[in-house]
Amino acid sequence: TVNSQISNPGYLVDEKGEINIHHLGYIRVEGLTLKELKLKLEKDLQP
């Protein structure tokens, strides 16, 4: 549905406001800014 030149994985925010992330499972992202999501993922992926 988006530009085919984009190579990053695309995560669709579902009706619950969540995305399914490898290692982390479903996490709620609705209401976060991109910067807040970045910091959250960097913290949660450290293990």
ModelCIF file with pLDDT and N, C-alpha, C, O atoms, coordinates in Angstrom:
data_MODEL
#
_entry.id   MODEL 
#
_entity.id                         1 
_entity.type                       polymer 
_entity.pdbx_number_of_molecules   1 
#
_entity_poly.entity_id                      1 
_entity_poly.type                           'polypeptide(L)' 
_entity_poly.nstd_linkage                   no 
_entity_poly.nstd_monomer                   no 
_entity_poly.pdbx_seq_one_letter_code       TVNSQISNPGYLVDEKGEINIHHLGYIRVEGLTLKELKLKLEKDLQP 
_entity_poly.pdbx_seq_one_letter_code_can   TVNSQISNPGYLVDEKGEINIHHLGYIRVEGLTLKELKLKLEKDLQP 
_entity_poly.pdbx_strand_id                 A 
#
loop_
_entity_poly_seq.entity_id 
_entity_poly_seq.num 
_entity_poly_seq.mon_id 
_entity_poly_seq.hetero 
1 1  THR n 
1 2  VAL n 
1 3  ASN n 
1 4  SER n 
1 5  GLN n 
1 6  ILE n 
1 7  SER n 
1 8  ASN n 
1 9  PRO n 
1 10 GLY n 
1 11 TYR n 
1 12 LEU n 
1 13 VAL n 
1 14 ASP n 
1 15 GLU n 
1 16 LYS n 
1 17 GLY n 
1 18 GLU n 
1 19 ILE n 
1 20 ASN n 
1 21 ILE n 
1 22 HIS n 
1 23 HIS n 
1 24 LEU n 
1 25 GLY n 
1 26 TYR n 
1 27 ILE n 
1 28 ARG n 
1 29 VAL n 
1 30 GLU n 
1 31 GLY n 
1 32 LEU n 
1 33 THR n 
1 34 LEU n 
1 35 LYS n 
1 36 GLU n 
1 37 LEU n 
1 38 LYS n 
1 39 LEU n 
1 40 LYS n 
1 41 LEU n 
1 42 GLU n 
1 43 LYS n 
1 44 ASP n 
1 45 LEU n 
1 46 GLN n 
1 47 PRO n 
#
_struct_asym.id          A 
_struct_asym.entity_id   1 
#
loop_
_ma_qa_metric.id 
_ma_qa_metric.mode 
_ma_qa_metric.name 
_ma_qa_metric.software_group_id 
_ma_qa_metric.type 
1 global pLDDT . pLDDT 
2 local  pLDDT . pLDDT 
#
_ma_qa_metric_global.metric_id      1 
_ma_qa_metric_global.metric_value   83.11 
_ma_qa_metric_global.model_id       1 
_ma_qa_metric_global.ordinal_id     1 
#
loop_
_ma_qa_metric_local.label_asym_id 
_ma_qa_metric_local.label_comp_id 
_ma_qa_metric_local.label_seq_id 
_ma_qa_metric_local.metric_id 
_ma_qa_metric_local.metric_value 
_ma_qa_metric_local.model_id 
_ma_qa_metric_local.ordinal_id 
A THR 1  2 43.00 1 1  
A VAL 2  2 43.00 1 2  
A ASN 3  2 46.00 1 3  
A SER 4  2 45.00 1 4  
A GLN 5  2 46.00 1 5  
A ILE 6  2 47.00 1 6  
A SER 7  2 47.00 1 7  
A ASN 8  2 49.00 1 8  
A PRO 9  2 58.00 1 9  
A GLY 10 2 84.00 1 10 
A TYR 11 2 90.00 1 11 
A LEU 12 2 90.00 1 12 
A VAL 13 2 93.00 1 13 
A ASP 14 2 92.00 1 14 
A GLU 15 2 94.00 1 15 
A LYS 16 2 94.00 1 16 
A GLY 17 2 95.00 1 17 
A GLU 18 2 94.00 1 18 
A ILE 19 2 93.00 1 19 
A ASN 20 2 89.00 1 20 
A ILE 21 2 86.00 1 21 
A HIS 22 2 80.00 1 22 
A HIS 23 2 81.00 1 23 
A LEU 24 2 87.00 1 24 
A GLY 25 2 89.00 1 25 
A TYR 26 2 93.00 1 26 
A ILE 27 2 94.00 1 27 
A ARG 28 2 95.00 1 28 
A VAL 29 2 95.00 1 29 
A GLU 30 2 95.00 1 30 
A GLY 31 2 93.00 1 31 
A LEU 32 2 94.00 1 32 
A THR 33 2 92.00 1 33 
A LEU 34 2 92.00 1 34 
A LYS 35 2 92.00 1 35 
A GLU 36 2 94.00 1 36 
A LEU 37 2 95.00 1 37 
A LYS 38 2 94.00 1 38 
A LEU 39 2 95.00 1 39 
A LYS 40 2 95.00 1 40 
A LEU 41 2 94.00 1 41 
A GLU 42 2 93.00 1 42 
A LYS 43 2 93.00 1 43 
A ASP 44 2 93.00 1 44 
A LEU 45 2 90.00 1 45 
A GLN 46 2 91.00 1 46 
A PRO 47 2 89.00 1 47 
#
loop_
_atom_site.group_PDB 
_atom_site.id 
_atom_site.type_symbol 
_atom_site.label_atom_id 
_atom_site.label_alt_id 
_atom_site.label_comp_id 
_atom_site.label_asym_id 
_atom_site.label_entity_id 
_atom_site.label_seq_id 
_atom_site.pdbx_PDB_ins_code 
_atom_site.Cartn_x 
_atom_site.Cartn_y 
_atom_site.Cartn_z 
_atom_site.occupancy 
_atom_site.B_iso_or_equiv 
_atom_site.pdbx_formal_charge 
_atom_site.auth_seq_id 
_atom_site.auth_comp_id 
_atom_site.auth_asym_id 
_atom_site.auth_atom_id 
_atom_site.pdbx_PDB_model_num 
ATOM 1   N N  . THR A 1 1  ? 0.818  -1.220  0.000  1.00 43.00 ? 1  THR A N  1 
ATOM 2   C CA . THR A 1 1  ? 0.000  0.000   0.000  1.00 43.00 ? 1  THR A CA 1 
ATOM 3   C C  . THR A 1 1  ? 0.845  1.262   0.000  1.00 43.00 ? 1  THR A C  1 
ATOM 4   O O  . THR A 1 1  ? 0.311  2.365   -0.107 1.00 43.00 ? 1  THR A O  1 
ATOM 5   N N  . VAL A 1 2  ? 2.155  1.112   0.119  1.00 43.00 ? 2  VAL A N  1 
ATOM 6   C CA . VAL A 1 2  ? 3.011  2.285   0.170  1.00 43.00 ? 2  VAL A CA 1 
ATOM 7   C C  . VAL A 1 2  ? 4.072  2.173   -0.909 1.00 43.00 ? 2  VAL A C  1 
ATOM 8   O O  . VAL A 1 2  ? 4.089  1.213   -1.679 1.00 43.00 ? 2  VAL A O  1 
ATOM 9   N N  . ASN A 1 3  ? 4.946  3.147   -0.960 1.00 46.00 ? 3  ASN A N  1 
ATOM 10  C CA . ASN A 1 3  ? 5.975  3.208   -1.980 1.00 46.00 ? 3  ASN A CA 1 
ATOM 11  C C  . ASN A 1 3  ? 6.842  1.960   -1.952 1.00 46.00 ? 3  ASN A C  1 
ATOM 12  O O  . ASN A 1 3  ? 7.376  1.594   -0.905 1.00 46.00 ? 3  ASN A O  1 
ATOM 13  N N  . SER A 1 4  ? 6.982  1.312   -3.088 1.00 45.00 ? 4  SER A N  1 
ATOM 14  C CA . SER A 1 4  ? 7.738  0.064   -3.143 1.00 45.00 ? 4  SER A CA 1 
ATOM 15  C C  . SER A 1 4  ? 9.222  0.269   -2.897 1.00 45.00 ? 4  SER A C  1 
ATOM 16  O O  . SER A 1 4  ? 9.947  -0.696  -2.656 1.00 45.00 ? 4  SER A O  1 
ATOM 17  N N  . GLN A 1 5  ? 9.688  1.525   -2.954 1.00 46.00 ? 5  GLN A N  1 
ATOM 18  C CA . GLN A 1 5  ? 11.097 1.793   -2.701 1.00 46.00 ? 5  GLN A CA 1 
ATOM 19  C C  . GLN A 1 5  ? 11.446 1.732   -1.220 1.00 46.00 ? 5  GLN A C  1 
ATOM 20  O O  . GLN A 1 5  ? 12.623 1.679   -0.865 1.00 46.00 ? 5  GLN A O  1 
ATOM 21  N N  . ILE A 1 6  ? 10.446 1.738   -0.358 1.00 47.00 ? 6  ILE A N  1 
ATOM 22  C CA . ILE A 1 6  ? 10.701 1.693   1.075  1.00 47.00 ? 6  ILE A CA 1 
ATOM 23  C C  . ILE A 1 6  ? 11.041 0.269   1.470  1.00 47.00 ? 6  ILE A C  1 
ATOM 24  O O  . ILE A 1 6  ? 10.266 -0.653  1.215  1.00 47.00 ? 6  ILE A O  1 
ATOM 25  N N  . SER A 1 7  ? 12.203 0.085   2.094  1.00 47.00 ? 7  SER A N  1 
ATOM 26  C CA . SER A 1 7  ? 12.676 -1.253  2.406  1.00 47.00 ? 7  SER A CA 1 
ATOM 27  C C  . SER A 1 7  ? 12.463 -1.631  3.863  1.00 47.00 ? 7  SER A C  1 
ATOM 28  O O  . SER A 1 7  ? 12.561 -2.811  4.202  1.00 47.00 ? 7  SER A O  1 
ATOM 29  N N  . ASN A 1 8  ? 12.174 -0.668  4.741  1.00 49.00 ? 8  ASN A N  1 
ATOM 30  C CA . ASN A 1 8  ? 11.967 -0.991  6.150  1.00 49.00 ? 8  ASN A CA 1 
ATOM 31  C C  . ASN A 1 8  ? 10.724 -1.853  6.329  1.00 49.00 ? 8  ASN A C  1 
ATOM 32  O O  . ASN A 1 8  ? 9.748  -1.695  5.596  1.00 49.00 ? 8  ASN A O  1 
ATOM 33  N N  . PRO A 1 9  ? 10.755 -2.764  7.300  1.00 58.00 ? 9  PRO A N  1 
ATOM 34  C CA . PRO A 1 9  ? 9.539  -3.519  7.596  1.00 58.00 ? 9  PRO A CA 1 
ATOM 35  C C  . PRO A 1 9  ? 8.408  -2.579  7.992  1.00 58.00 ? 9  PRO A C  1 
ATOM 36  O O  . PRO A 1 9  ? 8.629  -1.577  8.672  1.00 58.00 ? 9  PRO A O  1 
ATOM 37  N N  . GLY A 1 10 ? 7.200  -2.909  7.563  1.00 84.00 ? 10 GLY A N  1 
ATOM 38  C CA . GLY A 1 10 ? 6.052  -2.091  7.901  1.00 84.00 ? 10 GLY A CA 1 
ATOM 39  C C  . GLY A 1 10 ? 5.174  -2.791  8.917  1.00 84.00 ? 10 GLY A C  1 
ATOM 40  O O  . GLY A 1 10 ? 4.737  -3.917  8.681  1.00 84.00 ? 10 GLY A O  1 
ATOM 41  N N  . TYR A 1 11 ? 4.911  -2.154  10.029 1.00 90.00 ? 11 TYR A N  1 
ATOM 42  C CA . TYR A 1 11 ? 4.085  -2.717  11.094 1.00 90.00 ? 11 TYR A CA 1 
ATOM 43  C C  . TYR A 1 11 ? 2.761  -1.972  11.133 1.00 90.00 ? 11 TYR A C  1 
ATOM 44  O O  . TYR A 1 11 ? 2.721  -0.770  11.396 1.00 90.00 ? 11 TYR A O  1 
ATOM 45  N N  . LEU A 1 12 ? 1.685  -2.689  10.871 1.00 90.00 ? 12 LEU A N  1 
ATOM 46  C CA . LEU A 1 12 ? 0.360  -2.102  10.865 1.00 90.00 ? 12 LEU A CA 1 
ATOM 47  C C  . LEU A 1 12 ? -0.188 -2.031  12.292 1.00 90.00 ? 12 LEU A C  1 
ATOM 48  O O  . LEU A 1 12 ? -0.236 -3.038  12.998 1.00 90.00 ? 12 LEU A O  1 
ATOM 49  N N  . VAL A 1 13 ? -0.599 -0.837  12.704 1.00 93.00 ? 13 VAL A N  1 
ATOM 50  C CA . VAL A 1 13 ? -1.200 -0.663  14.022 1.00 93.00 ? 13 VAL A CA 1 
ATOM 51  C C  . VAL A 1 13 ? -2.627 -1.197  13.956 1.00 93.00 ? 13 VAL A C  1 
ATOM 52  O O  . VAL A 1 13 ? -3.450 -0.680  13.201 1.00 93.00 ? 13 VAL A O  1 
ATOM 53  N N  . ASP A 1 14 ? -2.923 -2.238  14.749 1.00 92.00 ? 14 ASP A N  1 
ATOM 54  C CA . ASP A 1 14 ? -4.214 -2.914  14.642 1.00 92.00 ? 14 ASP A CA 1 
ATOM 55  C C  . ASP A 1 14 ? -5.303 -2.152  15.399 1.00 92.00 ? 14 ASP A C  1 
ATOM 56  O O  . ASP A 1 14 ? -5.072 -1.065  15.927 1.00 92.00 ? 14 ASP A O  1 
ATOM 57  N N  . GLU A 1 15 ? -6.490 -2.751  15.437 1.00 94.00 ? 15 GLU A N  1 
ATOM 58  C CA . GLU A 1 15 ? -7.642 -2.103  16.056 1.00 94.00 ? 15 GLU A CA 1 
ATOM 59  C C  . GLU A 1 15 ? -7.485 -1.934  17.571 1.00 94.00 ? 15 GLU A C  1 
ATOM 60  O O  . GLU A 1 15 ? -8.201 -1.146  18.188 1.00 94.00 ? 15 GLU A O  1 
ATOM 61  N N  . LYS A 1 16 ? -6.562 -2.664  18.156 1.00 94.00 ? 16 LYS A N  1 
ATOM 62  C CA . LYS A 1 16 ? -6.285 -2.506  19.579 1.00 94.00 ? 16 LYS A CA 1 
ATOM 63  C C  . LYS A 1 16 ? -5.188 -1.476  19.842 1.00 94.00 ? 16 LYS A C  1 
ATOM 64  O O  . LYS A 1 16 ? -4.833 -1.215  20.991 1.00 94.00 ? 16 LYS A O  1 
ATOM 65  N N  . GLY A 1 17 ? -4.652 -0.890  18.759 1.00 95.00 ? 17 GLY A N  1 
ATOM 66  C CA . GLY A 1 17 ? -3.566 0.080   18.912 1.00 95.00 ? 17 GLY A CA 1 
ATOM 67  C C  . GLY A 1 17 ? -2.230 -0.584  19.156 1.00 95.00 ? 17 GLY A C  1 
ATOM 68  O O  . GLY A 1 17 ? -1.337 0.016   19.754 1.00 95.00 ? 17 GLY A O  1 
ATOM 69  N N  . GLU A 1 18 ? -2.078 -1.838  18.693 1.00 94.00 ? 18 GLU A N  1 
ATOM 70  C CA . GLU A 1 18 ? -0.859 -2.609  18.959 1.00 94.00 ? 18 GLU A CA 1 
ATOM 71  C C  . GLU A 1 18 ? -0.178 -3.029  17.667 1.00 94.00 ? 18 GLU A C  1 
ATOM 72  O O  . GLU A 1 18 ? -0.793 -3.072  16.602 1.00 94.00 ? 18 GLU A O  1 
ATOM 73  N N  . ILE A 1 19 ? 1.115  -3.341  17.789 1.00 93.00 ? 19 ILE A N  1 
ATOM 74  C CA . ILE A 1 19 ? 1.857  -3.974  16.706 1.00 93.00 ? 19 ILE A CA 1 
ATOM 75  C C  . ILE A 1 19 ? 2.539  -5.220  17.270 1.00 93.00 ? 19 ILE A C  1 
ATOM 76  O O  . ILE A 1 19 ? 2.827  -5.302  18.464 1.00 93.00 ? 19 ILE A O  1 
ATOM 77  N N  . ASN A 1 20 ? 2.785  -6.169  16.399 1.00 89.00 ? 20 ASN A N  1 
ATOM 78  C CA . ASN A 1 20 ? 3.407  -7.430  16.801 1.00 89.00 ? 20 ASN A CA 1 
ATOM 79  C C  . ASN A 1 20 ? 4.879  -7.397  16.426 1.00 89.00 ? 20 ASN A C  1 
ATOM 80  O O  . ASN A 1 20 ? 5.226  -7.478  15.248 1.00 89.00 ? 20 ASN A O  1 
ATOM 81  N N  . ILE A 1 21 ? 5.755  -7.276  17.436 1.00 86.00 ? 21 ILE A N  1 
ATOM 82  C CA . ILE A 1 21 ? 7.197  -7.111  17.231 1.00 86.00 ? 21 ILE A CA 1 
ATOM 83  C C  . ILE A 1 21 ? 7.919  -8.415  17.534 1.00 86.00 ? 21 ILE A C  1 
ATOM 84  O O  . ILE A 1 21 ? 7.628  -9.088  18.523 1.00 86.00 ? 21 ILE A O  1 
ATOM 85  N N  . HIS A 1 22 ? 8.871  -8.762  16.661 1.00 80.00 ? 22 HIS A N  1 
ATOM 86  C CA . HIS A 1 22 ? 9.718  -9.932  16.889 1.00 80.00 ? 22 HIS A CA 1 
ATOM 87  C C  . HIS A 1 22 ? 10.408 -9.817  18.257 1.00 80.00 ? 22 HIS A C  1 
ATOM 88  O O  . HIS A 1 22 ? 10.924 -8.753  18.598 1.00 80.00 ? 22 HIS A O  1 
ATOM 89  N N  . HIS A 1 23 ? 10.419 -10.886 19.029 1.00 81.00 ? 23 HIS A N  1 
ATOM 90  C CA . HIS A 1 23 ? 10.957 -10.958 20.394 1.00 81.00 ? 23 HIS A CA 1 
ATOM 91  C C  . HIS A 1 23 ? 9.976  -10.398 21.426 1.00 81.00 ? 23 HIS A C  1 
ATOM 92  O O  . HIS A 1 23 ? 9.806  -10.986 22.494 1.00 81.00 ? 23 HIS A O  1 
ATOM 93  N N  . LEU A 1 24 ? 9.333  -9.276  21.121 1.00 87.00 ? 24 LEU A N  1 
ATOM 94  C CA . LEU A 1 24 ? 8.534  -8.580  22.138 1.00 87.00 ? 24 LEU A CA 1 
ATOM 95  C C  . LEU A 1 24 ? 7.059  -8.951  22.108 1.00 87.00 ? 24 LEU A C  1 
ATOM 96  O O  . LEU A 1 24 ? 6.349  -8.739  23.091 1.00 87.00 ? 24 LEU A O  1 
ATOM 97  N N  . GLY A 1 25 ? 6.590  -9.501  20.995 1.00 89.00 ? 25 GLY A N  1 
ATOM 98  C CA . GLY A 1 25 ? 5.170  -9.806  20.885 1.00 89.00 ? 25 GLY A CA 1 
ATOM 99  C C  . GLY A 1 25 ? 4.352  -8.545  20.648 1.00 89.00 ? 25 GLY A C  1 
ATOM 100 O O  . GLY A 1 25 ? 4.840  -7.582  20.058 1.00 89.00 ? 25 GLY A O  1 
ATOM 101 N N  . TYR A 1 26 ? 3.103  -8.555  21.111 1.00 93.00 ? 26 TYR A N  1 
ATOM 102 C CA . TYR A 1 26 ? 2.224  -7.412  20.899 1.00 93.00 ? 26 TYR A CA 1 
ATOM 103 C C  . TYR A 1 26 ? 2.543  -6.314  21.914 1.00 93.00 ? 26 TYR A C  1 
ATOM 104 O O  . TYR A 1 26 ? 2.556  -6.557  23.121 1.00 93.00 ? 26 TYR A O  1 
ATOM 105 N N  . ILE A 1 27 ? 2.797  -5.118  21.417 1.00 94.00 ? 27 ILE A N  1 
ATOM 106 C CA . ILE A 1 27 ? 3.020  -3.970  22.293 1.00 94.00 ? 27 ILE A CA 1 
ATOM 107 C C  . ILE A 1 27 ? 2.110  -2.831  21.850 1.00 94.00 ? 27 ILE A C  1 
ATOM 108 O O  . ILE A 1 27 ? 1.831  -2.668  20.662 1.00 94.00 ? 27 ILE A O  1 
ATOM 109 N N  . ARG A 1 28 ? 1.659  -2.059  22.808 1.00 95.00 ? 28 ARG A N  1 
ATOM 110 C CA . ARG A 1 28 ? 0.750  -0.949  22.506 1.00 95.00 ? 28 ARG A CA 1 
ATOM 111 C C  . ARG A 1 28 ? 1.555  0.275   22.075 1.00 95.00 ? 28 ARG A C  1 
ATOM 112 O O  . ARG A 1 28 ? 2.459  0.724   22.781 1.00 95.00 ? 28 ARG A O  1 
ATOM 113 N N  . VAL A 1 29 ? 1.209  0.804   20.904 1.00 95.00 ? 29 VAL A N  1 
ATOM 114 C CA . VAL A 1 29 ? 1.925  1.964   20.380 1.00 95.00 ? 29 VAL A CA 1 
ATOM 115 C C  . VAL A 1 29 ? 0.998  3.156   20.147 1.00 95.00 ? 29 VAL A C  1 
ATOM 116 O O  . VAL A 1 29 ? 1.471  4.280   19.983 1.00 95.00 ? 29 VAL A O  1 
ATOM 117 N N  . GLU A 1 30 ? -0.303 2.925   20.130 1.00 95.00 ? 30 GLU A N  1 
ATOM 118 C CA . GLU A 1 30 ? -1.240 4.020   19.902 1.00 95.00 ? 30 GLU A CA 1 
ATOM 119 C C  . GLU A 1 30 ? -1.061 5.096   20.975 1.00 95.00 ? 30 GLU A C  1 
ATOM 120 O O  . GLU A 1 30 ? -1.004 4.792   22.167 1.00 95.00 ? 30 GLU A O  1 
ATOM 121 N N  . GLY A 1 31 ? -0.973 6.352   20.542 1.00 93.00 ? 31 GLY A N  1 
ATOM 122 C CA . GLY A 1 31 ? -0.800 7.453   21.480 1.00 93.00 ? 31 GLY A CA 1 
ATOM 123 C C  . GLY A 1 31 ? 0.635  7.855   21.706 1.00 93.00 ? 31 GLY A C  1 
ATOM 124 O O  . GLY A 1 31 ? 0.901  8.893   22.312 1.00 93.00 ? 31 GLY A O  1 
ATOM 125 N N  . LEU A 1 32 ? 1.579  7.039   21.223 1.00 94.00 ? 32 LEU A N  1 
ATOM 126 C CA . LEU A 1 32 ? 2.993  7.388   21.342 1.00 94.00 ? 32 LEU A CA 1 
ATOM 127 C C  . LEU A 1 32 ? 3.427  8.225   20.147 1.00 94.00 ? 32 LEU A C  1 
ATOM 128 O O  . LEU A 1 32 ? 2.840  8.128   19.069 1.00 94.00 ? 32 LEU A O  1 
ATOM 129 N N  . THR A 1 33 ? 4.450  9.042   20.338 1.00 92.00 ? 33 THR A N  1 
ATOM 130 C CA . THR A 1 33 ? 5.096  9.696   19.206 1.00 92.00 ? 33 THR A CA 1 
ATOM 131 C C  . THR A 1 33 ? 6.160  8.755   18.661 1.00 92.00 ? 33 THR A C  1 
ATOM 132 O O  . THR A 1 33 ? 6.498  7.759   19.301 1.00 92.00 ? 33 THR A O  1 
ATOM 133 N N  . LEU A 1 34 ? 6.688  9.066   17.483 1.00 92.00 ? 34 LEU A N  1 
ATOM 134 C CA . LEU A 1 34 ? 7.753  8.242   16.916 1.00 92.00 ? 34 LEU A CA 1 
ATOM 135 C C  . LEU A 1 34 ? 8.967  8.211   17.840 1.00 92.00 ? 34 LEU A C  1 
ATOM 136 O O  . LEU A 1 34 ? 9.609  7.174   18.005 1.00 92.00 ? 34 LEU A O  1 
ATOM 137 N N  . LYS A 1 35 ? 9.272  9.357   18.439 1.00 92.00 ? 35 LYS A N  1 
ATOM 138 C CA . LYS A 1 35 ? 10.432 9.419   19.340 1.00 92.00 ? 35 LYS A CA 1 
ATOM 139 C C  . LYS A 1 35 ? 10.210 8.541   20.573 1.00 92.00 ? 35 LYS A C  1 
ATOM 140 O O  . LYS A 1 35 ? 11.121 7.844   21.021 1.00 92.00 ? 35 LYS A O  1 
ATOM 141 N N  . GLU A 1 36 ? 8.991  8.583   21.113 1.00 94.00 ? 36 GLU A N  1 
ATOM 142 C CA . GLU A 1 36 ? 8.692  7.767   22.293 1.00 94.00 ? 36 GLU A CA 1 
ATOM 143 C C  . GLU A 1 36 ? 8.754  6.280   21.962 1.00 94.00 ? 36 GLU A C  1 
ATOM 144 O O  . GLU A 1 36 ? 9.234  5.478   22.763 1.00 94.00 ? 36 GLU A O  1 
ATOM 145 N N  . LEU A 1 37 ? 8.264  5.914   20.772 1.00 95.00 ? 37 LEU A N  1 
ATOM 146 C CA . LEU A 1 37 ? 8.330  4.514   20.356 1.00 95.00 ? 37 LEU A CA 1 
ATOM 147 C C  . LEU A 1 37 ? 9.775  4.069   20.163 1.00 95.00 ? 37 LEU A C  1 
ATOM 148 O O  . LEU A 1 37 ? 10.137 2.954   20.537 1.00 95.00 ? 37 LEU A O  1 
ATOM 149 N N  . LYS A 1 38 ? 10.585 4.918   19.592 1.00 94.00 ? 38 LYS A N  1 
ATOM 150 C CA . LYS A 1 38 ? 12.006 4.606   19.394 1.00 94.00 ? 38 LYS A CA 1 
ATOM 151 C C  . LYS A 1 38 ? 12.674 4.296   20.736 1.00 94.00 ? 38 LYS A C  1 
ATOM 152 O O  . LYS A 1 38 ? 13.359 3.283   20.871 1.00 94.00 ? 38 LYS A O  1 
ATOM 153 N N  . LEU A 1 39 ? 12.474 5.165   21.722 1.00 95.00 ? 39 LEU A N  1 
ATOM 154 C CA . LEU A 1 39 ? 13.104 4.974   23.035 1.00 95.00 ? 39 LEU A CA 1 
ATOM 155 C C  . LEU A 1 39 ? 12.573 3.709   23.717 1.00 95.00 ? 39 LEU A C  1 
ATOM 156 O O  . LEU A 1 39 ? 13.327 2.981   24.363 1.00 95.00 ? 39 LEU A O  1 
ATOM 157 N N  . LYS A 1 40 ? 11.280 3.458   23.568 1.00 95.00 ? 40 LYS A N  1 
ATOM 158 C CA . LYS A 1 40 ? 10.684 2.275   24.188 1.00 95.00 ? 40 LYS A CA 1 
ATOM 159 C C  . LYS A 1 40 ? 11.289 0.993   23.591 1.00 95.00 ? 40 LYS A C  1 
ATOM 160 O O  . LYS A 1 40 ? 11.653 0.075   24.325 1.00 95.00 ? 40 LYS A O  1 
ATOM 161 N N  . LEU A 1 41 ? 11.390 0.939   22.264 1.00 94.00 ? 41 LEU A N  1 
ATOM 162 C CA . LEU A 1 41 ? 11.929 -0.254  21.617 1.00 94.00 ? 41 LEU A CA 1 
ATOM 163 C C  . LEU A 1 41 ? 13.392 -0.470  21.958 1.00 94.00 ? 41 LEU A C  1 
ATOM 164 O O  . LEU A 1 41 ? 13.815 -1.603  22.184 1.00 94.00 ? 41 LEU A O  1 
ATOM 165 N N  . GLU A 1 42 ? 14.171 0.604   21.998 1.00 93.00 ? 42 GLU A N  1 
ATOM 166 C CA . GLU A 1 42 ? 15.586 0.459   22.361 1.00 93.00 ? 42 GLU A CA 1 
ATOM 167 C C  . GLU A 1 42 ? 15.740 -0.104  23.770 1.00 93.00 ? 42 GLU A C  1 
ATOM 168 O O  . GLU A 1 42 ? 16.645 -0.894  24.039 1.00 93.00 ? 42 GLU A O  1 
ATOM 169 N N  . LYS A 1 43 ? 14.858 0.305   24.651 1.00 93.00 ? 43 LYS A N  1 
ATOM 170 C CA . LYS A 1 43 ? 14.902 -0.206  26.033 1.00 93.00 ? 43 LYS A CA 1 
ATOM 171 C C  . LYS A 1 43 ? 14.434 -1.662  26.104 1.00 93.00 ? 43 LYS A C  1 
ATOM 172 O O  . LYS A 1 43 ? 15.077 -2.495  26.742 1.00 93.00 ? 43 LYS A O  1 
ATOM 173 N N  . ASP A 1 44 ? 13.312 -1.962  25.445 1.00 93.00 ? 44 ASP A N  1 
ATOM 174 C CA . ASP A 1 44 ? 12.728 -3.298  25.535 1.00 93.00 ? 44 ASP A CA 1 
ATOM 175 C C  . ASP A 1 44 ? 13.556 -4.357  24.814 1.00 93.00 ? 44 ASP A C  1 
ATOM 176 O O  . ASP A 1 44 ? 13.482 -5.536  25.160 1.00 93.00 ? 44 ASP A O  1 
ATOM 177 N N  . LEU A 1 45 ? 14.349 -3.950  23.807 1.00 90.00 ? 45 LEU A N  1 
ATOM 178 C CA . LEU A 1 45 ? 15.138 -4.908  23.043 1.00 90.00 ? 45 LEU A CA 1 
ATOM 179 C C  . LEU A 1 45 ? 16.508 -5.191  23.658 1.00 90.00 ? 45 LEU A C  1 
ATOM 180 O O  . LEU A 1 45 ? 17.219 -6.076  23.181 1.00 90.00 ? 45 LEU A O  1 
ATOM 181 N N  . GLN A 1 46 ? 16.884 -4.479  24.679 1.00 91.00 ? 46 GLN A N  1 
ATOM 182 C CA . GLN A 1 46 ? 18.204 -4.673  25.286 1.00 91.00 ? 46 GLN A CA 1 
ATOM 183 C C  . GLN A 1 46 ? 18.464 -6.094  25.776 1.00 91.00 ? 46 GLN A C  1 
ATOM 184 O O  . GLN A 1 46 ? 19.599 -6.559  25.679 1.00 91.00 ? 46 GLN A O  1 
ATOM 185 N N  . PRO A 1 47 ? 17.453 -6.813  26.304 1.00 89.00 ? 47 PRO A N  1 
ATOM 186 C CA . PRO A 1 47 ? 17.721 -8.208  26.707 1.00 89.00 ? 47 PRO A CA 1 
ATOM 187 C C  . PRO A 1 47 ? 18.030 -9.132  25.529 1.00 89.00 ? 47 PRO A C  1 
ATOM 188 O O  . PRO A 1 47 ? 18.273 -10.323 25.726 1.00 89.00 ? 47 PRO A O  1 
#
